[in-house]
mmCIF file of all heavy atoms, coordinates in Angstrom:
data_MODEL
# 
_entry.id   MODEL 
# 
loop_
_atom_site.group_PDB 
_atom_site.id 
_atom_site.type_symbol 
_atom_site.label_atom_id 
_atom_site.label_alt_id 
_atom_site.label_comp_id 
_atom_site.label_asym_id 
_atom_site.label_entity_id 
_atom_site.label_seq_id 
_atom_site.pdbx_PDB_ins_code 
_atom_site.Cartn_x 
_atom_site.Cartn_y 
_atom_site.Cartn_z 
_atom_site.occupancy 
_atom_site.B_iso_or_equiv 
_atom_site.pdbx_formal_charge 
_atom_site.auth_seq_id 
_atom_site.auth_comp_id 
_atom_site.auth_asym_id 
_atom_site.auth_atom_id 
_atom_site.pdbx_PDB_model_num 
ATOM 1   N N   . PRO A 1 1  ? -13.733 -2.840 0.379  1.00 0.00 ? 1  PRO A N   1 
ATOM 2   C CA  . PRO A 1 1  ? -14.237 -1.639 -0.374 1.00 0.00 ? 1  PRO A CA  1 
ATOM 3   C C   . PRO A 1 1  ? -13.327 -0.376 -0.126 1.00 0.00 ? 1  PRO A C   1 
ATOM 4   O O   . PRO A 1 1  ? -13.457 0.490  -1.002 1.00 0.00 ? 1  PRO A O   1 
ATOM 5   C CB  . PRO A 1 1  ? -15.572 -1.386 0.332  1.00 0.00 ? 1  PRO A CB  1 
ATOM 6   C CG  . PRO A 1 1  ? -15.746 -2.185 1.473  1.00 0.00 ? 1  PRO A CG  1 
ATOM 7   C CD  . PRO A 1 1  ? -14.678 -3.289 1.425  1.00 0.00 ? 1  PRO A CD  1 
ATOM 8   N N   . PHE A 1 2  ? -12.638 -0.279 0.893  1.00 0.00 ? 2  PHE A N   1 
ATOM 9   C CA  . PHE A 1 2  ? -11.866 0.864  1.217  1.00 0.00 ? 2  PHE A CA  1 
ATOM 10  C C   . PHE A 1 2  ? -10.301 0.774  0.733  1.00 0.00 ? 2  PHE A C   1 
ATOM 11  O O   . PHE A 1 2  ? -9.651  1.756  0.915  1.00 0.00 ? 2  PHE A O   1 
ATOM 12  C CB  . PHE A 1 2  ? -11.898 1.395  2.648  1.00 0.00 ? 2  PHE A CB  1 
ATOM 13  C CG  . PHE A 1 2  ? -13.272 1.694  3.043  1.00 0.00 ? 2  PHE A CG  1 
ATOM 14  C CD1 . PHE A 1 2  ? -13.677 1.603  4.489  1.00 0.00 ? 2  PHE A CD1 1 
ATOM 15  C CD2 . PHE A 1 2  ? -14.160 2.314  2.215  1.00 0.00 ? 2  PHE A CD2 1 
ATOM 16  C CE1 . PHE A 1 2  ? -14.892 2.030  4.872  1.00 0.00 ? 2  PHE A CE1 1 
ATOM 17  C CE2 . PHE A 1 2  ? -15.407 2.722  2.633  1.00 0.00 ? 2  PHE A CE2 1 
ATOM 18  C CZ  . PHE A 1 2  ? -15.695 2.645  3.976  1.00 0.00 ? 2  PHE A CZ  1 
ATOM 19  N N   . GLN A 1 3  ? -9.870  -0.385 0.324  1.00 0.00 ? 3  GLN A N   1 
ATOM 20  C CA  . GLN A 1 3  ? -8.565  -0.557 -0.157 1.00 0.00 ? 3  GLN A CA  1 
ATOM 21  C C   . GLN A 1 3  ? -8.341  -0.085 -1.609 1.00 0.00 ? 3  GLN A C   1 
ATOM 22  O O   . GLN A 1 3  ? -9.204  -0.602 -2.424 1.00 0.00 ? 3  GLN A O   1 
ATOM 23  C CB  . GLN A 1 3  ? -8.141  -1.911 0.008  1.00 0.00 ? 3  GLN A CB  1 
ATOM 24  C CG  . GLN A 1 3  ? -6.640  -2.199 -0.452 1.00 0.00 ? 3  GLN A CG  1 
ATOM 25  C CD  . GLN A 1 3  ? -6.063  -3.686 -0.121 1.00 0.00 ? 3  GLN A CD  1 
ATOM 26  O OE1 . GLN A 1 3  ? -4.884  -3.765 0.139  1.00 0.00 ? 3  GLN A OE1 1 
ATOM 27  N NE2 . GLN A 1 3  ? -6.965  -4.601 0.058  1.00 0.00 ? 3  GLN A NE2 1 
ATOM 28  N N   . THR A 1 4  ? -7.492  0.752  -1.843 1.00 0.00 ? 4  THR A N   1 
ATOM 29  C CA  . THR A 1 4  ? -7.351  1.212  -3.315 1.00 0.00 ? 4  THR A CA  1 
ATOM 30  C C   . THR A 1 4  ? -6.611  0.149  -4.093 1.00 0.00 ? 4  THR A C   1 
ATOM 31  O O   . THR A 1 4  ? -5.924  -0.668 -3.474 1.00 0.00 ? 4  THR A O   1 
ATOM 32  C CB  . THR A 1 4  ? -6.593  2.532  -3.318 1.00 0.00 ? 4  THR A CB  1 
ATOM 33  O OG1 . THR A 1 4  ? -5.247  2.409  -2.987 1.00 0.00 ? 4  THR A OG1 1 
ATOM 34  C CG2 . THR A 1 4  ? -7.162  3.636  -2.419 1.00 0.00 ? 4  THR A CG2 1 
ATOM 35  N N   . ASP A 1 5  ? -6.717  0.239  -5.406 1.00 0.00 ? 5  ASP A N   1 
ATOM 36  C CA  . ASP A 1 5  ? -6.036  -0.623 -6.251 1.00 0.00 ? 5  ASP A CA  1 
ATOM 37  C C   . ASP A 1 5  ? -4.405  -0.443 -6.101 1.00 0.00 ? 5  ASP A C   1 
ATOM 38  O O   . ASP A 1 5  ? -3.728  -1.460 -6.160 1.00 0.00 ? 5  ASP A O   1 
ATOM 39  C CB  . ASP A 1 5  ? -6.326  -0.304 -7.669 1.00 0.00 ? 5  ASP A CB  1 
ATOM 40  C CG  . ASP A 1 5  ? -7.627  -0.940 -8.064 1.00 0.00 ? 5  ASP A CG  1 
ATOM 41  O OD1 . ASP A 1 5  ? -8.305  -1.782 -7.329 1.00 0.00 ? 5  ASP A OD1 1 
ATOM 42  O OD2 . ASP A 1 5  ? -8.187  -0.446 -9.265 1.00 0.00 ? 5  ASP A OD2 1 
ATOM 43  N N   . HIS A 1 6  ? -4.102  0.844  -5.911 1.00 0.00 ? 6  HIS A N   1 
ATOM 44  C CA  . HIS A 1 6  ? -2.703  1.082  -5.684 1.00 0.00 ? 6  HIS A CA  1 
ATOM 45  C C   . HIS A 1 6  ? -2.075  0.510  -4.387 1.00 0.00 ? 6  HIS A C   1 
ATOM 46  O O   . HIS A 1 6  ? -1.053  -0.179 -4.335 1.00 0.00 ? 6  HIS A O   1 
ATOM 47  C CB  . HIS A 1 6  ? -2.413  2.559  -5.566 1.00 0.00 ? 6  HIS A CB  1 
ATOM 48  C CG  . HIS A 1 6  ? -0.967  2.966  -5.229 1.00 0.00 ? 6  HIS A CG  1 
ATOM 49  N ND1 . HIS A 1 6  ? 0.035   2.867  -6.265 1.00 0.00 ? 6  HIS A ND1 1 
ATOM 50  C CD2 . HIS A 1 6  ? -0.386  3.301  -4.089 1.00 0.00 ? 6  HIS A CD2 1 
ATOM 51  C CE1 . HIS A 1 6  ? 1.114   3.304  -5.737 1.00 0.00 ? 6  HIS A CE1 1 
ATOM 52  N NE2 . HIS A 1 6  ? 0.994   3.529  -4.370 1.00 0.00 ? 6  HIS A NE2 1 
ATOM 53  N N   . GLN A 1 7  ? -2.889  0.408  -3.286 1.00 0.00 ? 7  GLN A N   1 
ATOM 54  C CA  . GLN A 1 7  ? -2.476  -0.168 -2.051 1.00 0.00 ? 7  GLN A CA  1 
ATOM 55  C C   . GLN A 1 7  ? -2.544  -1.689 -2.157 1.00 0.00 ? 7  GLN A C   1 
ATOM 56  O O   . GLN A 1 7  ? -1.441  -2.272 -1.772 1.00 0.00 ? 7  GLN A O   1 
ATOM 57  C CB  . GLN A 1 7  ? -3.574  0.161  -0.929 1.00 0.00 ? 7  GLN A CB  1 
ATOM 58  C CG  . GLN A 1 7  ? -3.489  1.577  -0.426 1.00 0.00 ? 7  GLN A CG  1 
ATOM 59  C CD  . GLN A 1 7  ? -4.726  1.954  0.424  1.00 0.00 ? 7  GLN A CD  1 
ATOM 60  O OE1 . GLN A 1 7  ? -5.585  1.322  0.433  1.00 0.00 ? 7  GLN A OE1 1 
ATOM 61  N NE2 . GLN A 1 7  ? -4.647  3.094  1.271  1.00 0.00 ? 7  GLN A NE2 1 
ATOM 62  N N   . ALA A 1 8  ? -3.389  -2.263 -2.928 1.00 0.00 ? 8  ALA A N   1 
ATOM 63  C CA  . ALA A 1 8  ? -3.423  -3.677 -3.147 1.00 0.00 ? 8  ALA A CA  1 
ATOM 64  C C   . ALA A 1 8  ? -2.191  -4.140 -3.930 1.00 0.00 ? 8  ALA A C   1 
ATOM 65  O O   . ALA A 1 8  ? -1.666  -5.176 -3.597 1.00 0.00 ? 8  ALA A O   1 
ATOM 66  C CB  . ALA A 1 8  ? -4.804  -4.053 -3.664 1.00 0.00 ? 8  ALA A CB  1 
ATOM 67  N N   . ALA A 1 9  ? -1.852  -3.452 -4.872 1.00 0.00 ? 9  ALA A N   1 
ATOM 68  C CA  . ALA A 1 9  ? -0.858  -3.767 -5.807 1.00 0.00 ? 9  ALA A CA  1 
ATOM 69  C C   . ALA A 1 9  ? 0.517   -3.610 -5.257 1.00 0.00 ? 9  ALA A C   1 
ATOM 70  O O   . ALA A 1 9  ? 1.503   -4.180 -5.668 1.00 0.00 ? 9  ALA A O   1 
ATOM 71  C CB  . ALA A 1 9  ? -0.971  -3.003 -7.112 1.00 0.00 ? 9  ALA A CB  1 
ATOM 72  N N   . HIS A 1 10 ? 0.691   -2.516 -4.378 1.00 0.00 ? 10 HIS A N   1 
ATOM 73  C CA  . HIS A 1 10 ? 2.034   -2.176 -3.981 1.00 0.00 ? 10 HIS A CA  1 
ATOM 74  C C   . HIS A 1 10 ? 2.323   -2.366 -2.392 1.00 0.00 ? 10 HIS A C   1 
ATOM 75  O O   . HIS A 1 10 ? 3.517   -2.003 -2.096 1.00 0.00 ? 10 HIS A O   1 
ATOM 76  C CB  . HIS A 1 10 ? 2.267   -0.749 -4.372 1.00 0.00 ? 10 HIS A CB  1 
ATOM 77  C CG  . HIS A 1 10 ? 2.144   -0.555 -5.848 1.00 0.00 ? 10 HIS A CG  1 
ATOM 78  N ND1 . HIS A 1 10 ? 3.141   -1.104 -6.716 1.00 0.00 ? 10 HIS A ND1 1 
ATOM 79  C CD2 . HIS A 1 10 ? 1.168   -0.049 -6.589 1.00 0.00 ? 10 HIS A CD2 1 
ATOM 80  C CE1 . HIS A 1 10 ? 2.761   -0.644 -7.940 1.00 0.00 ? 10 HIS A CE1 1 
ATOM 81  N NE2 . HIS A 1 10 ? 1.594   -0.016 -7.989 1.00 0.00 ? 10 HIS A NE2 1 
ATOM 82  N N   . LYS A 1 11 ? 1.464   -2.757 -1.652 1.00 0.00 ? 11 LYS A N   1 
ATOM 83  C CA  . LYS A 1 11 ? 1.690   -2.775 -0.181 1.00 0.00 ? 11 LYS A CA  1 
ATOM 84  C C   . LYS A 1 11 ? 2.779   -3.726 0.179  1.00 0.00 ? 11 LYS A C   1 
ATOM 85  O O   . LYS A 1 11 ? 3.385   -3.602 1.341  1.00 0.00 ? 11 LYS A O   1 
ATOM 86  C CB  . LYS A 1 11 ? 0.420   -3.078 0.626  1.00 0.00 ? 11 LYS A CB  1 
ATOM 87  C CG  . LYS A 1 11 ? -0.200  -4.544 0.257  1.00 0.00 ? 11 LYS A CG  1 
ATOM 88  C CD  . LYS A 1 11 ? -1.564  -4.575 0.853  1.00 0.00 ? 11 LYS A CD  1 
ATOM 89  C CE  . LYS A 1 11 ? -2.103  -5.956 0.507  1.00 0.00 ? 11 LYS A CE  1 
ATOM 90  N NZ  . LYS A 1 11 ? -3.508  -5.949 0.906  1.00 0.00 ? 11 LYS A NZ  1 
ATOM 91  N N   . ALA A 1 12 ? 3.169   -4.679 -0.545 1.00 0.00 ? 12 ALA A N   1 
ATOM 92  C CA  . ALA A 1 12 ? 4.248   -5.537 -0.189 1.00 0.00 ? 12 ALA A CA  1 
ATOM 93  C C   . ALA A 1 12 ? 5.534   -5.261 -1.108 1.00 0.00 ? 12 ALA A C   1 
ATOM 94  O O   . ALA A 1 12 ? 6.549   -5.940 -0.941 1.00 0.00 ? 12 ALA A O   1 
ATOM 95  C CB  . ALA A 1 12 ? 3.855   -6.993 -0.572 1.00 0.00 ? 12 ALA A CB  1 
ATOM 96  N N   . ASP A 1 13 ? 5.555   -4.263 -1.888 1.00 0.00 ? 13 ASP A N   1 
ATOM 97  C CA  . ASP A 1 13 ? 6.671   -3.820 -2.626 1.00 0.00 ? 13 ASP A CA  1 
ATOM 98  C C   . ASP A 1 13 ? 7.796   -3.306 -1.845 1.00 0.00 ? 13 ASP A C   1 
ATOM 99  O O   . ASP A 1 13 ? 7.558   -2.698 -0.726 1.00 0.00 ? 13 ASP A O   1 
ATOM 100 C CB  . ASP A 1 13 ? 6.367   -2.707 -3.578 1.00 0.00 ? 13 ASP A CB  1 
ATOM 101 C CG  . ASP A 1 13 ? 5.429   -3.233 -4.883 1.00 0.00 ? 13 ASP A CG  1 
ATOM 102 O OD1 . ASP A 1 13 ? 5.174   -4.419 -4.870 1.00 0.00 ? 13 ASP A OD1 1 
ATOM 103 O OD2 . ASP A 1 13 ? 5.000   -2.297 -5.562 1.00 0.00 ? 13 ASP A OD2 1 
ATOM 104 N N   . PRO A 1 14 ? 9.115   -3.516 -2.181 1.00 0.00 ? 14 PRO A N   1 
ATOM 105 C CA  . PRO A 1 14 ? 10.134  -2.900 -1.450 1.00 0.00 ? 14 PRO A CA  1 
ATOM 106 C C   . PRO A 1 14 ? 10.218  -1.304 -1.638 1.00 0.00 ? 14 PRO A C   1 
ATOM 107 O O   . PRO A 1 14 ? 9.536   -0.762 -2.431 1.00 0.00 ? 14 PRO A O   1 
ATOM 108 C CB  . PRO A 1 14 ? 11.408  -3.631 -2.059 1.00 0.00 ? 14 PRO A CB  1 
ATOM 109 C CG  . PRO A 1 14 ? 10.966  -3.809 -3.512 1.00 0.00 ? 14 PRO A CG  1 
ATOM 110 C CD  . PRO A 1 14 ? 9.445   -4.145 -3.385 1.00 0.00 ? 14 PRO A CD  1 
ATOM 111 N N   . GLY A 1 15 ? 10.899  -0.783 -0.776 1.00 0.00 ? 15 GLY A N   1 
ATOM 112 C CA  . GLY A 1 15 ? 11.115  0.632  -0.775 1.00 0.00 ? 15 GLY A CA  1 
ATOM 113 C C   . GLY A 1 15 ? 10.017  1.501  -0.399 1.00 0.00 ? 15 GLY A C   1 
ATOM 114 O O   . GLY A 1 15 ? 9.033   0.992  0.263  1.00 0.00 ? 15 GLY A O   1 
ATOM 115 N N   . ARG A 1 16 ? 10.137  2.876  -0.675 1.00 0.00 ? 16 ARG A N   1 
ATOM 116 C CA  . ARG A 1 16 ? 9.249   3.817  -0.275 1.00 0.00 ? 16 ARG A CA  1 
ATOM 117 C C   . ARG A 1 16 ? 7.775   3.647  -0.728 1.00 0.00 ? 16 ARG A C   1 
ATOM 118 O O   . ARG A 1 16 ? 6.806   3.793  -0.022 1.00 0.00 ? 16 ARG A O   1 
ATOM 119 C CB  . ARG A 1 16 ? 9.724   5.152  -0.623 1.00 0.00 ? 16 ARG A CB  1 
ATOM 120 C CG  . ARG A 1 16 ? 8.847   6.390  -0.117 1.00 0.00 ? 16 ARG A CG  1 
ATOM 121 C CD  . ARG A 1 16 ? 9.359   7.700  -0.487 1.00 0.00 ? 16 ARG A CD  1 
ATOM 122 N NE  . ARG A 1 16 ? 8.443   8.611  -0.134 1.00 0.00 ? 16 ARG A NE  1 
ATOM 123 C CZ  . ARG A 1 16 ? 8.842   9.843  0.529  1.00 0.00 ? 16 ARG A CZ  1 
ATOM 124 N NH1 . ARG A 1 16 ? 10.089  10.103 0.740  1.00 0.00 ? 16 ARG A NH1 1 
ATOM 125 N NH2 . ARG A 1 16 ? 8.002   10.726 0.948  1.00 0.00 ? 16 ARG A NH2 1 
ATOM 126 N N   . THR A 1 17 ? 7.697   3.253  -2.037 1.00 0.00 ? 17 THR A N   1 
ATOM 127 C CA  . THR A 1 17 ? 6.283   3.007  -2.538 1.00 0.00 ? 17 THR A CA  1 
ATOM 128 C C   . THR A 1 17 ? 5.535   1.979  -1.792 1.00 0.00 ? 17 THR A C   1 
ATOM 129 O O   . THR A 1 17 ? 4.404   2.128  -1.429 1.00 0.00 ? 17 THR A O   1 
ATOM 130 C CB  . THR A 1 17 ? 6.405   2.650  -4.004 1.00 0.00 ? 17 THR A CB  1 
ATOM 131 O OG1 . THR A 1 17 ? 7.140   3.761  -4.799 1.00 0.00 ? 17 THR A OG1 1 
ATOM 132 C CG2 . THR A 1 17 ? 5.047   2.370  -4.637 1.00 0.00 ? 17 THR A CG2 1 
ATOM 133 N N   . GLY A 1 18 ? 6.283   0.845  -1.527 1.00 0.00 ? 18 GLY A N   1 
ATOM 134 C CA  . GLY A 1 18 ? 5.682   -0.272 -0.875 1.00 0.00 ? 18 GLY A CA  1 
ATOM 135 C C   . GLY A 1 18 ? 5.262   0.160  0.613  1.00 0.00 ? 18 GLY A C   1 
ATOM 136 O O   . GLY A 1 18 ? 4.142   -0.223 0.969  1.00 0.00 ? 18 GLY A O   1 
ATOM 137 N N   . TRP A 1 19 ? 6.221   0.759  1.324  1.00 0.00 ? 19 TRP A N   1 
ATOM 138 C CA  . TRP A 1 19 ? 5.882   1.068  2.702  1.00 0.00 ? 19 TRP A CA  1 
ATOM 139 C C   . TRP A 1 19 ? 4.837   2.186  2.742  1.00 0.00 ? 19 TRP A C   1 
ATOM 140 O O   . TRP A 1 19 ? 4.019   2.061  3.658  1.00 0.00 ? 19 TRP A O   1 
ATOM 141 C CB  . TRP A 1 19 ? 7.304   1.677  3.394  1.00 0.00 ? 19 TRP A CB  1 
ATOM 142 C CG  . TRP A 1 19 ? 8.141   0.589  3.738  1.00 0.00 ? 19 TRP A CG  1 
ATOM 143 C CD1 . TRP A 1 19 ? 9.247   0.157  3.196  1.00 0.00 ? 19 TRP A CD1 1 
ATOM 144 C CD2 . TRP A 1 19 ? 7.802   -0.442 4.738  1.00 0.00 ? 19 TRP A CD2 1 
ATOM 145 N NE1 . TRP A 1 19 ? 9.799   -0.992 3.704  1.00 0.00 ? 19 TRP A NE1 1 
ATOM 146 C CE2 . TRP A 1 19 ? 8.845   -1.364 4.722  1.00 0.00 ? 19 TRP A CE2 1 
ATOM 147 C CE3 . TRP A 1 19 ? 6.817   -0.682 5.737  1.00 0.00 ? 19 TRP A CE3 1 
ATOM 148 C CZ2 . TRP A 1 19 ? 9.055   -2.420 5.659  1.00 0.00 ? 19 TRP A CZ2 1 
ATOM 149 C CZ3 . TRP A 1 19 ? 6.891   -1.795 6.557  1.00 0.00 ? 19 TRP A CZ3 1 
ATOM 150 C CH2 . TRP A 1 19 ? 7.967   -2.678 6.560  1.00 0.00 ? 19 TRP A CH2 1 
ATOM 151 N N   . THR A 1 20 ? 4.816   3.120  1.819  1.00 0.00 ? 20 THR A N   1 
ATOM 152 C CA  . THR A 1 20 ? 3.789   4.127  1.825  1.00 0.00 ? 20 THR A CA  1 
ATOM 153 C C   . THR A 1 20 ? 2.379   3.484  1.512  1.00 0.00 ? 20 THR A C   1 
ATOM 154 O O   . THR A 1 20 ? 1.448   3.888  2.320  1.00 0.00 ? 20 THR A O   1 
ATOM 155 C CB  . THR A 1 20 ? 3.981   5.205  0.751  1.00 0.00 ? 20 THR A CB  1 
ATOM 156 O OG1 . THR A 1 20 ? 5.255   5.755  1.043  1.00 0.00 ? 20 THR A OG1 1 
ATOM 157 C CG2 . THR A 1 20 ? 2.958   6.309  0.790  1.00 0.00 ? 20 THR A CG2 1 
ATOM 158 N N   . ALA A 1 21 ? 2.261   2.552  0.521  1.00 0.00 ? 21 ALA A N   1 
ATOM 159 C CA  . ALA A 1 21 ? 1.023   1.908  0.345  1.00 0.00 ? 21 ALA A CA  1 
ATOM 160 C C   . ALA A 1 21 ? 0.572   1.100  1.490  1.00 0.00 ? 21 ALA A C   1 
ATOM 161 O O   . ALA A 1 21 ? -0.596  1.032  1.806  1.00 0.00 ? 21 ALA A O   1 
ATOM 162 C CB  . ALA A 1 21 ? 1.141   1.020  -0.863 1.00 0.00 ? 21 ALA A CB  1 
ATOM 163 N N   . ASN A 1 22 ? 1.573   0.364  2.102  1.00 0.00 ? 22 ASN A N   1 
ATOM 164 C CA  . ASN A 1 22 ? 1.287   -0.420 3.261  1.00 0.00 ? 22 ASN A CA  1 
ATOM 165 C C   . ASN A 1 22 ? 0.703   0.381  4.422  1.00 0.00 ? 22 ASN A C   1 
ATOM 166 O O   . ASN A 1 22 ? -0.206  0.066  5.031  1.00 0.00 ? 22 ASN A O   1 
ATOM 167 C CB  . ASN A 1 22 ? 2.480   -1.290 3.560  1.00 0.00 ? 22 ASN A CB  1 
ATOM 168 C CG  . ASN A 1 22 ? 2.348   -2.236 4.687  1.00 0.00 ? 22 ASN A CG  1 
ATOM 169 O OD1 . ASN A 1 22 ? 2.317   -1.782 5.941  1.00 0.00 ? 22 ASN A OD1 1 
ATOM 170 N ND2 . ASN A 1 22 ? 2.107   -3.481 4.420  1.00 0.00 ? 22 ASN A ND2 1 
ATOM 171 N N   . ALA A 1 23 ? 1.470   1.493  4.785  1.00 0.00 ? 23 ALA A N   1 
ATOM 172 C CA  . ALA A 1 23 ? 1.140   2.251  5.839  1.00 0.00 ? 23 ALA A CA  1 
ATOM 173 C C   . ALA A 1 23 ? -0.211  2.938  5.681  1.00 0.00 ? 23 ALA A C   1 
ATOM 174 O O   . ALA A 1 23 ? -1.090  3.119  6.625  1.00 0.00 ? 23 ALA A O   1 
ATOM 175 C CB  . ALA A 1 23 ? 2.212   3.340  6.089  1.00 0.00 ? 23 ALA A CB  1 
ATOM 176 N N   . SER A 1 24 ? -0.519  3.494  4.482  1.00 0.00 ? 24 SER A N   1 
ATOM 177 C CA  . SER A 1 24 ? -1.840  4.025  4.184  1.00 0.00 ? 24 SER A CA  1 
ATOM 178 C C   . SER A 1 24 ? -2.904  2.983  4.355  1.00 0.00 ? 24 SER A C   1 
ATOM 179 O O   . SER A 1 24 ? -4.022  3.358  4.911  1.00 0.00 ? 24 SER A O   1 
ATOM 180 C CB  . SER A 1 24 ? -1.824  4.831  2.865  1.00 0.00 ? 24 SER A CB  1 
ATOM 181 O OG  . SER A 1 24 ? -1.712  3.892  1.810  1.00 0.00 ? 24 SER A OG  1 
ATOM 182 N N   . HIS A 1 25 ? -2.700  1.863  3.889  1.00 0.00 ? 25 HIS A N   1 
ATOM 183 C CA  . HIS A 1 25 ? -3.712  0.799  3.994  1.00 0.00 ? 25 HIS A CA  1 
ATOM 184 C C   . HIS A 1 25 ? -3.863  0.360  5.481  1.00 0.00 ? 25 HIS A C   1 
ATOM 185 O O   . HIS A 1 25 ? -5.061  0.216  5.992  1.00 0.00 ? 25 HIS A O   1 
ATOM 186 C CB  . HIS A 1 25 ? -3.282  -0.437 3.303  1.00 0.00 ? 25 HIS A CB  1 
ATOM 187 C CG  . HIS A 1 25 ? -4.234  -1.667 3.320  1.00 0.00 ? 25 HIS A CG  1 
ATOM 188 N ND1 . HIS A 1 25 ? -5.470  -1.583 3.124  1.00 0.00 ? 25 HIS A ND1 1 
ATOM 189 C CD2 . HIS A 1 25 ? -3.816  -2.954 3.740  1.00 0.00 ? 25 HIS A CD2 1 
ATOM 190 C CE1 . HIS A 1 25 ? -6.038  -2.852 3.251  1.00 0.00 ? 25 HIS A CE1 1 
ATOM 191 N NE2 . HIS A 1 25 ? -5.166  -3.526 3.704  1.00 0.00 ? 25 HIS A NE2 1 
ATOM 192 N N   . ALA A 1 26 ? -2.833  0.300  6.201  1.00 0.00 ? 26 ALA A N   1 
ATOM 193 C CA  . ALA A 1 26 ? -2.962  0.018  7.696  1.00 0.00 ? 26 ALA A CA  1 
ATOM 194 C C   . ALA A 1 26 ? -3.672  1.023  8.438  1.00 0.00 ? 26 ALA A C   1 
ATOM 195 O O   . ALA A 1 26 ? -4.427  0.795  9.367  1.00 0.00 ? 26 ALA A O   1 
ATOM 196 C CB  . ALA A 1 26 ? -1.635  -0.243 8.328  1.00 0.00 ? 26 ALA A CB  1 
ATOM 197 N N   . ALA A 1 27 ? -3.488  2.337  8.033  1.00 0.00 ? 27 ALA A N   1 
ATOM 198 C CA  . ALA A 1 27 ? -4.197  3.521  8.611  1.00 0.00 ? 27 ALA A CA  1 
ATOM 199 C C   . ALA A 1 27 ? -5.590  3.361  8.476  1.00 0.00 ? 27 ALA A C   1 
ATOM 200 O O   . ALA A 1 27 ? -6.478  3.733  9.339  1.00 0.00 ? 27 ALA A O   1 
ATOM 201 C CB  . ALA A 1 27 ? -3.461  4.771  8.155  1.00 0.00 ? 27 ALA A CB  1 
# 
């Protein structure tokens, strides 16, 4: 319920977008 669509779609992407989505999801 707390994971955004953006985080789910991009948390494994390369580069800054992926790392930002991943870090915010882990937080």
